[in-house]
Amino acid sequence: MPLSDDKHTLPFSVRRNDRQSLTDQVFEGFRKSILSGAFRAGDVLPSRTALAVALNVSEIVVREACVRLAKAGLVNPRPGV
């Protein structure tokens, strides 16, 4: 489910009391969402700020997860898009 500008909805969430770090949860959530087809090639993800708000995590957590997603070849970061 892509995010809209009005209401930020993601096909996954994070749990603060989970053993897995928040960064790992965000990375895994996006990885699984991409691999399952919830996000497709060419989809533009919202800004890191919007993602952080939607997931109730810091922008640093989102940035670190995005770096890992890029290294895994799952996203193609394009600043300003």
Foldseek 3Di string as FASTA:
>chain_A
DAQDPVGGDAPDEDDPPDPDDLLVRVLVSVVVCDVVPVDDPPDDHDDLVSVCVNRVHDSVSSVSSVVVCVVVVNDDDDPPD
